[in-house]
C-alpha atoms as a PDB file:
ATOM      1  CA  MET A   1    -167.471 -67.259  70.963  1.00  0.00           C
ATOM      2  CA  PRO A   2    -164.565 -69.042  72.683  1.00  0.00           C
ATOM      3  CA  ASN A   3    -162.023 -68.222  70.010  1.00  0.00           C
ATOM      4  CA  ASP A   4    -162.890 -64.533  70.120  1.00  0.00           C
ATOM      5  CA  GLU A   5    -162.800 -64.592  73.955  1.00  0.00           C
ATOM      6  CA  GLU A   6    -159.371 -66.271  73.956  1.00  0.00           C
ATOM      7  CA  ALA A   7    -158.032 -63.729  71.450  1.00  0.00           C
ATOM      8  CA  ARG A   8    -159.474 -60.899  73.515  1.00  0.00           C
ATOM      9  CA  ARG A   9    -157.834 -62.323  76.637  1.00  0.00           C
ATOM     10  CA  GLN A  10    -154.403 -62.573  74.904  1.00  0.00           C
ATOM     11  CA  LEU A  11    -154.736 -58.970  73.743  1.00  0.00           C
ATOM     12  CA  ASP A  12    -155.621 -57.839  77.278  1.00  0.00           C
ATOM     13  CA  ASP A  13    -152.667 -59.738  78.621  1.00  0.00           C
ATOM     14  CA  LEU A  14    -150.343 -58.035  76.086  1.00  0.00           C
ATOM     15  CA  ARG A  15    -151.672 -54.663  77.056  1.00  0.00           C
ATOM     16  CA  ALA A  16    -151.294 -55.487  80.785  1.00  0.00           C
ATOM     17  CA  SER A  17    -147.721 -56.538  80.192  1.00  0.00           C
ATOM     18  CA  GLY A  18    -146.738 -52.894  79.574  1.00  0.00           C
ATOM     19  CA  ALA A  19    -145.803 -52.904  75.911  1.00  0.00           C
ATOM     20  CA  ALA A  20    -144.351 -49.470  75.411  1.00  0.00           C
ATOM     21  CA  ASP A  21    -143.898 -49.534  71.653  1.00  0.00           C
ATOM     22  CA  ALA A  22    -146.539 -47.272  70.054  1.00  0.00           C
ATOM     23  CA  ARG A  23    -147.118 -49.638  67.159  1.00  0.00           C
ATOM     24  CA  SER A  24    -147.665 -52.515  69.465  1.00  0.00           C
ATOM     25  CA  ARG A  25    -150.163 -50.606  71.573  1.00  0.00           C
ATOM     26  CA  LEU A  26    -152.009 -49.407  68.458  1.00  0.00           C
ATOM     27  CA  LEU A  27    -152.194 -52.916  67.025  1.00  0.00           C
ATOM     28  CA  ILE A  28    -153.500 -54.196  70.329  1.00  0.00           C
ATOM     29  CA  ASP A  29    -156.096 -51.423  70.335  1.00  0.00           C
ATOM     30  CA  TYR A  30    -157.082 -52.101  66.711  1.00  0.00           C
ATOM     31  CA  PHE A  31    -157.556 -55.861  67.078  1.00  0.00           C
ATOM     32  CA  THR A  32    -159.323 -55.478  70.387  1.00  0.00           C
ATOM     33  CA  ALA A  33    -161.821 -53.055  68.687  1.00  0.00           C
ATOM     34  CA  VAL A  34    -162.234 -55.534  65.792  1.00  0.00           C
ATOM     35  CA  ILE A  35    -163.171 -58.290  68.267  1.00  0.00           C
ATOM     36  CA  ASP A  36    -165.506 -56.099  70.224  1.00  0.00           C
ATOM     37  CA  GLU A  37    -167.275 -54.953  67.051  1.00  0.00           C
ATOM     38  CA  GLU A  38    -167.715 -58.389  65.669  1.00  0.00           C
ATOM     39  CA  GLN A  39    -168.886 -59.852  69.007  1.00  0.00           C
ATOM     40  CA  ALA A  40    -171.444 -57.058  69.317  1.00  0.00           C
ATOM     41  CA  THR A  41    -172.644 -57.581  65.803  1.00  0.00           C
ATOM     42  CA  GLY A  42    -173.143 -61.232  66.411  1.00  0.00           C
ATOM     43  CA  LEU A  43    -175.103 -60.643  69.578  1.00  0.00           C
ATOM     44  CA  ILE A  44    -177.315 -58.031  67.912  1.00  0.00           C
ATOM     45  CA  ASP A  45    -178.049 -60.467  65.047  1.00  0.00           C
ATOM     46  CA  ASP A  46    -178.938 -63.252  67.487  1.00  0.00           C
ATOM     47  CA  TRP A  47    -181.295 -60.986  69.504  1.00  0.00           C
ATOM     48  CA  GLN A  48    -182.925 -59.576  66.454  1.00  0.00           C
ATOM     49  CA  LEU A  49    -183.596 -63.118  65.160  1.00  0.00           C
ATOM     50  CA  ARG A  50    -185.248 -63.967  68.488  1.00  0.00           C
ATOM     51  CA  SER A  51    -187.312 -60.785  68.403  1.00  0.00           C
ATOM     52  CA  THR A  52    -188.458 -61.591  64.868  1.00  0.00           C
ATOM     53  CA  ALA A  53    -189.450 -65.039  65.995  1.00  0.00           C
ATOM     54  CA  LEU A  54    -191.562 -63.711  68.798  1.00  0.00           C
ATOM     55  CA  ARG A  55    -193.317 -61.229  66.500  1.00  0.00           C
ATOM     56  CA  LYS A  56    -193.977 -63.991  64.079  1.00  0.00           C
ATOM     57  CA  GLN A  57    -195.847 -65.976  66.717  1.00  0.00           C
ATOM     58  CA  ARG A  58    -198.060 -62.918  67.132  1.00  0.00           C
ATOM     59  CA  ASP A  59    -198.686 -62.644  63.353  1.00  0.00           C
ATOM     60  CA  ASP A  60    -199.238 -66.436  63.013  1.00  0.00           C
ATOM     61  CA  ARG A  61    -201.954 -66.284  65.682  1.00  0.00           C
ATOM     62  CA  TYR A  62    -203.579 -63.392  64.043  1.00  0.00           C
ATOM     63  CA  ASP A  63    -203.495 -65.050  60.639  1.00  0.00           C
ATOM     64  CA  VAL A  64    -205.466 -67.974  62.019  1.00  0.00           C
ATOM     65  CA  ALA A  65    -208.020 -65.654  63.545  1.00  0.00           C
ATOM     66  CA  LEU A  66    -208.213 -63.698  60.302  1.00  0.00           C
ATOM     67  CA  ALA A  67    -208.753 -66.848  58.191  1.00  0.00           C
ATOM     68  CA  ASP A  68    -211.493 -67.935  60.519  1.00  0.00           C
ATOM     69  CA  ALA A  69    -213.222 -64.545  60.286  1.00  0.00           C
ATOM     70  CA  GLN A  70    -212.947 -64.601  56.489  1.00  0.00           C
ATOM     71  CA  ALA A  71    -214.526 -68.049  56.361  1.00  0.00           C
ATOM     72  CA  HIS A  72    -217.479 -66.818  58.454  1.00  0.00           C
ATOM     73  CA  ALA A  73    -217.779 -63.754  56.292  1.00  0.00           C
ATOM     74  CA  ASP A  74    -217.995 -65.973  53.254  1.00  0.00           C
ATOM     75  CA  THR A  75    -220.935 -67.842  54.885  1.00  0.00           C
ATOM     76  CA  ASP A  76    -222.549 -64.620  55.948  1.00  0.00           C
ATOM     77  CA  LYS A  77    -222.609 -63.334  52.403  1.00  0.00           C
ATOM     78  CA  GLY A  78    -225.767 -65.372  51.895  1.00  0.00           C
ATOM     79  CA  ASP A  79    -227.535 -63.066  54.309  1.00  0.00           C
ATOM     80  CA  TRP A  80    -227.164 -60.137  51.935  1.00  0.00           C
ATOM     81  CA  SER A  81    -226.952 -61.999  48.554  1.00  0.00           C
ATOM     82  CA  TRP A  82    -230.644 -61.164  47.738  1.00  0.00           C
ATOM     83  CA  ARG A  83    -229.556 -57.493  47.237  1.00  0.00           C
ATOM     84  CA  HIS A  84    -228.826 -58.075  43.590  1.00  0.00           C
ATOM     85  CA  GLY A  85    -229.606 -54.533  42.693  1.00  0.00           C
ATOM     86  CA  LEU A  86    -226.581 -53.122  44.567  1.00  0.00           C
ATOM     87  CA  PRO A  87    -223.178 -52.941  42.853  1.00  0.00           C
ATOM     88  CA  TRP A  88    -220.472 -55.490  43.513  1.00  0.00           C
ATOM     89  CA  ARG A  89    -218.488 -52.835  45.361  1.00  0.00           C
ATOM     90  CA  TRP A  90    -221.139 -52.802  47.993  1.00  0.00           C
ATOM     91  CA  HIS A  91    -220.918 -56.508  48.506  1.00  0.00           C
ATOM     92  CA  ARG A  92    -217.138 -56.374  48.683  1.00  0.00           C
ATOM     93  CA  ARG A  93    -217.164 -53.537  51.148  1.00  0.00           C
ATOM     94  CA  ARG A  94    -219.792 -55.339  53.311  1.00  0.00           C
ATOM     95  CA  TRP A  95    -217.580 -58.480  53.261  1.00  0.00           C
ATOM     96  CA  PHE A  96    -214.546 -56.549  54.522  1.00  0.00           C
ATOM     97  CA  GLU A  97    -216.656 -54.823  57.166  1.00  0.00           C
ATOM     98  CA  ARG A  98    -217.935 -58.155  58.287  1.00  0.00           C
ATOM     99  CA  VAL A  99    -214.393 -59.596  58.489  1.00  0.00           C
ATOM    100  CA  GLU A 100    -213.314 -56.630  60.640  1.00  0.00           C
ATOM    101  CA  GLU A 101    -216.365 -57.071  62.989  1.00  0.00           C
ATOM    102  CA  LEU A 102    -215.445 -60.718  63.474  1.00  0.00           C
ATOM    103  CA  VAL A 103    -211.700 -60.397  63.769  1.00  0.00           C
ATOM    104  CA  ARG A 104    -211.467 -57.268  65.921  1.00  0.00           C
ATOM    105  CA  PRO A 105    -212.381 -58.887  69.323  1.00  0.00           C
ATOM    106  CA  GLN A 106    -210.093 -61.825  68.650  1.00  0.00           C
ATOM    107  CA  ARG A 107    -207.316 -59.571  67.552  1.00  0.00           C
ATOM    108  CA  ASP A 108    -207.498 -57.544  70.797  1.00  0.00           C
ATOM    109  CA  VAL A 109    -207.486 -60.774  72.905  1.00  0.00           C
ATOM    110  CA  LEU A 110    -204.683 -62.285  70.994  1.00  0.00           C
ATOM    111  CA  LEU A 111    -202.550 -59.194  71.239  1.00  0.00           C
ATOM    112  CA  ALA A 112    -203.192 -58.920  74.945  1.00  0.00           C
ATOM    113  CA  GLU A 113    -202.209 -62.588  75.423  1.00  0.00           C
ATOM    114  CA  TRP A 114    -199.142 -62.230  73.251  1.00  0.00           C
ATOM    115  CA  ARG A 115    -198.009 -59.059  75.212  1.00  0.00           C
ATOM    116  CA  ALA A 116    -198.524 -60.872  78.487  1.00  0.00           C
ATOM    117  CA  GLU A 117    -196.547 -63.947  77.307  1.00  0.00           C
ATOM    118  CA  PHE A 118    -193.749 -62.387  75.338  1.00  0.00           C
ATOM    119  CA  GLY A 119    -193.791 -58.646  76.051  1.00  0.00           C
ATOM    120  CA  PRO A 120    -191.184 -58.723  78.896  1.00  0.00           C
ATOM    121  CA  GLU A 121    -188.864 -60.969  76.813  1.00  0.00           C
ATOM    122  CA  LEU A 122    -189.229 -58.681  73.791  1.00  0.00           C
ATOM    123  CA  GLN A 123    -188.505 -55.652  75.835  1.00  0.00           C
ATOM    124  CA  ARG A 124    -185.465 -57.288  77.296  1.00  0.00           C
ATOM    125  CA  LEU A 125    -184.146 -58.116  73.854  1.00  0.00           C
ATOM    126  CA  GLU A 126    -184.806 -54.610  72.579  1.00  0.00           C
ATOM    127  CA  ASN A 127    -182.954 -53.168  75.551  1.00  0.00           C
ATOM    128  CA  LEU A 128    -180.012 -55.454  75.019  1.00  0.00           C
ATOM    129  CA  THR A 129    -179.910 -54.718  71.355  1.00  0.00           C
ATOM    130  CA  THR A 130    -179.875 -50.891  72.068  1.00  0.00           C
ATOM    131  CA  GLU A 131    -177.108 -51.257  74.645  1.00  0.00           C
ATOM    132  CA  THR A 132    -174.972 -53.509  72.437  1.00  0.00           C
ATOM    133  CA  ARG A 133    -175.394 -51.105  69.450  1.00  0.00           C
ATOM    134  CA  HIS A 134    -173.791 -48.409  71.565  1.00  0.00           C
ATOM    135  CA  ARG A 135    -170.959 -50.820  72.379  1.00  0.00           C
ATOM    136  CA  ARG A 136    -170.506 -51.581  68.613  1.00  0.00           C
ATOM    137  CA  TYR A 137    -170.452 -47.831  67.851  1.00  0.00           C
ATOM    138  CA  ASP A 138    -167.748 -47.394  70.488  1.00  0.00           C
ATOM    139  CA  ALA A 139    -165.735 -50.259  69.044  1.00  0.00           C
ATOM    140  CA  VAL A 140    -165.978 -48.872  65.542  1.00  0.00           C
ATOM    141  CA  ARG A 141    -164.866 -45.503  66.801  1.00  0.00           C
ATOM    142  CA  ARG A 142    -161.898 -47.005  68.614  1.00  0.00           C
ATOM    143  CA  LYS A 143    -160.982 -49.027  65.492  1.00  0.00           C
ATOM    144  CA  ARG A 144    -160.956 -45.885  63.415  1.00  0.00           C
ATOM    145  CA  VAL A 145    -158.889 -43.974  65.916  1.00  0.00           C
ATOM    146  CA  ALA A 146    -156.304 -46.858  65.903  1.00  0.00           C
ATOM    147  CA  LEU A 147    -156.239 -46.944  62.083  1.00  0.00           C
ATOM    148  CA  ARG A 148    -155.752 -43.136  61.968  1.00  0.00           C
ATOM    149  CA  ASP A 149    -152.939 -43.309  64.498  1.00  0.00           C
ATOM    150  CA  LEU A 150    -151.320 -46.359  62.718  1.00  0.00           C
ATOM    151  CA  ALA A 151    -151.464 -44.312  59.470  1.00  0.00           C
ATOM    152  CA  ALA A 152    -149.705 -41.469  61.219  1.00  0.00           C
ATOM    153  CA  LEU A 153    -146.846 -43.862  61.952  1.00  0.00           C
ATOM    154  CA  GLY A 154    -146.720 -44.889  58.299  1.00  0.00           C
ATOM    155  CA  LEU A 155    -148.797 -48.103  58.665  1.00  0.00           C
ATOM    156  CA  THR A 156    -151.814 -47.617  56.435  1.00  0.00           C
ATOM    157  CA  PRO A 157    -155.093 -49.564  56.418  1.00  0.00           C
ATOM    158  CA  PRO A 158    -153.839 -51.771  53.479  1.00  0.00           C
ATOM    159  CA  SER A 159    -150.940 -52.813  55.677  1.00  0.00           C
ATOM    160  CA  ILE A 160    -153.483 -53.751  58.344  1.00  0.00           C
ATOM    161  CA  ALA A 161    -155.250 -55.930  55.699  1.00  0.00           C
ATOM    162  CA  ASP A 162    -151.951 -57.643  54.978  1.00  0.00           C
ATOM    163  CA  LEU A 163    -151.542 -58.450  58.658  1.00  0.00           C
ATOM    164  CA  THR A 164    -155.085 -59.787  59.037  1.00  0.00           C
ATOM    165  CA  GLY A 165    -155.115 -61.911  55.947  1.00  0.00           C
ATOM    166  CA  PRO A 166    -157.308 -61.891  52.789  1.00  0.00           C
ATOM    167  CA  ASP A 167    -160.135 -63.846  54.288  1.00  0.00           C
ATOM    168  CA  GLU A 168    -162.278 -61.411  56.347  1.00  0.00           C
ATOM    169  CA  ASN A 169    -164.433 -64.222  57.554  1.00  0.00           C
ATOM    170  CA  ASP A 170    -161.624 -66.207  59.112  1.00  0.00           C
ATOM    171  CA  THR A 171    -161.996 -64.485  62.416  1.00  0.00           C
ATOM    172  CA  THR A 172    -159.930 -66.991  64.457  1.00  0.00           C
ATOM    173  CA  ARG A 173    -156.858 -66.581  62.238  1.00  0.00           C
ATOM    174  CA  ARG A 174    -157.327 -62.884  61.980  1.00  0.00           C
ATOM    175  CA  PHE A 175    -157.378 -62.360  65.691  1.00  0.00           C
ATOM    176  CA  SER A 176    -154.453 -64.780  66.089  1.00  0.00           C
ATOM    177  CA  ASP A 177    -152.549 -62.781  63.547  1.00  0.00           C
ATOM    178  CA  GLY A 178    -153.327 -59.641  65.433  1.00  0.00           C
ATOM    179  CA  VAL A 179    -151.953 -61.059  68.664  1.00  0.00           C
ATOM    180  CA  ASP A 180    -148.848 -62.406  66.941  1.00  0.00           C
ATOM    181  CA  ALA A 181    -148.345 -59.122  65.090  1.00  0.00           C
ATOM    182  CA  ALA A 182    -148.552 -57.045  68.267  1.00  0.00           C
ATOM    183  CA  ARG A 183    -146.288 -59.466  70.227  1.00  0.00           C
ATOM    184  CA  SER A 184    -143.732 -59.626  67.367  1.00  0.00           C
ATOM    185  CA  SER A 185    -143.644 -55.835  67.194  1.00  0.00           C
ATOM    186  CA  ASP A 186    -142.987 -55.608  70.947  1.00  0.00           C
ATOM    187  CA  VAL A 187    -140.272 -58.319  70.829  1.00  0.00           C
ATOM    188  CA  ALA A 188    -138.607 -56.550  67.974  1.00  0.00           C
ATOM    189  CA  ARG A 189    -138.726 -53.278  69.866  1.00  0.00           C
ATOM    190  CA  SER A 190    -137.204 -54.834  72.990  1.00  0.00           C
ATOM    191  CA  GLY A 191    -134.376 -56.355  70.913  1.00  0.00           C
ATOM    192  CA  ASP A 192    -133.315 -52.993  69.444  1.00  0.00           C
END
């Protein structure tokens, strides 16, 4: 996310420059939190997609084994087809039991192989997701605090929306507007 990183760097530079105006500091805090939240959300989405892809590989392998077991069970039905006096429910239950008998050993082997191949990567992704969720919660908290403090200065959340623009998906312009708004506020303060 180069645009996000550049905007984040500019905000950090503004903060380090020693802007003393309360409004400037709060705007910097607000837009920094917005960037942090959206970056964390993007990372979580990417990692969850990867985790889903890994689990799908496991499910696909099992589906192949299950289809093979079902085909064998269809063939094996001939071994008990002479039992015409039994209700169809018996035949159906016996078919499911036969499928389970055939697929269970393959399922255990496939699961062990999948865990050996992808388990460490999946665990790493889950750990990263958990860690990044905490970062996102912190960013949301910081954003709410900044909005509350801005409101205390008479700058309400709708005013923040005016500064950020109507298109909430235009992150590059929104963050640039945030940097410009904070810088302009500081310049105006120094000129008073």
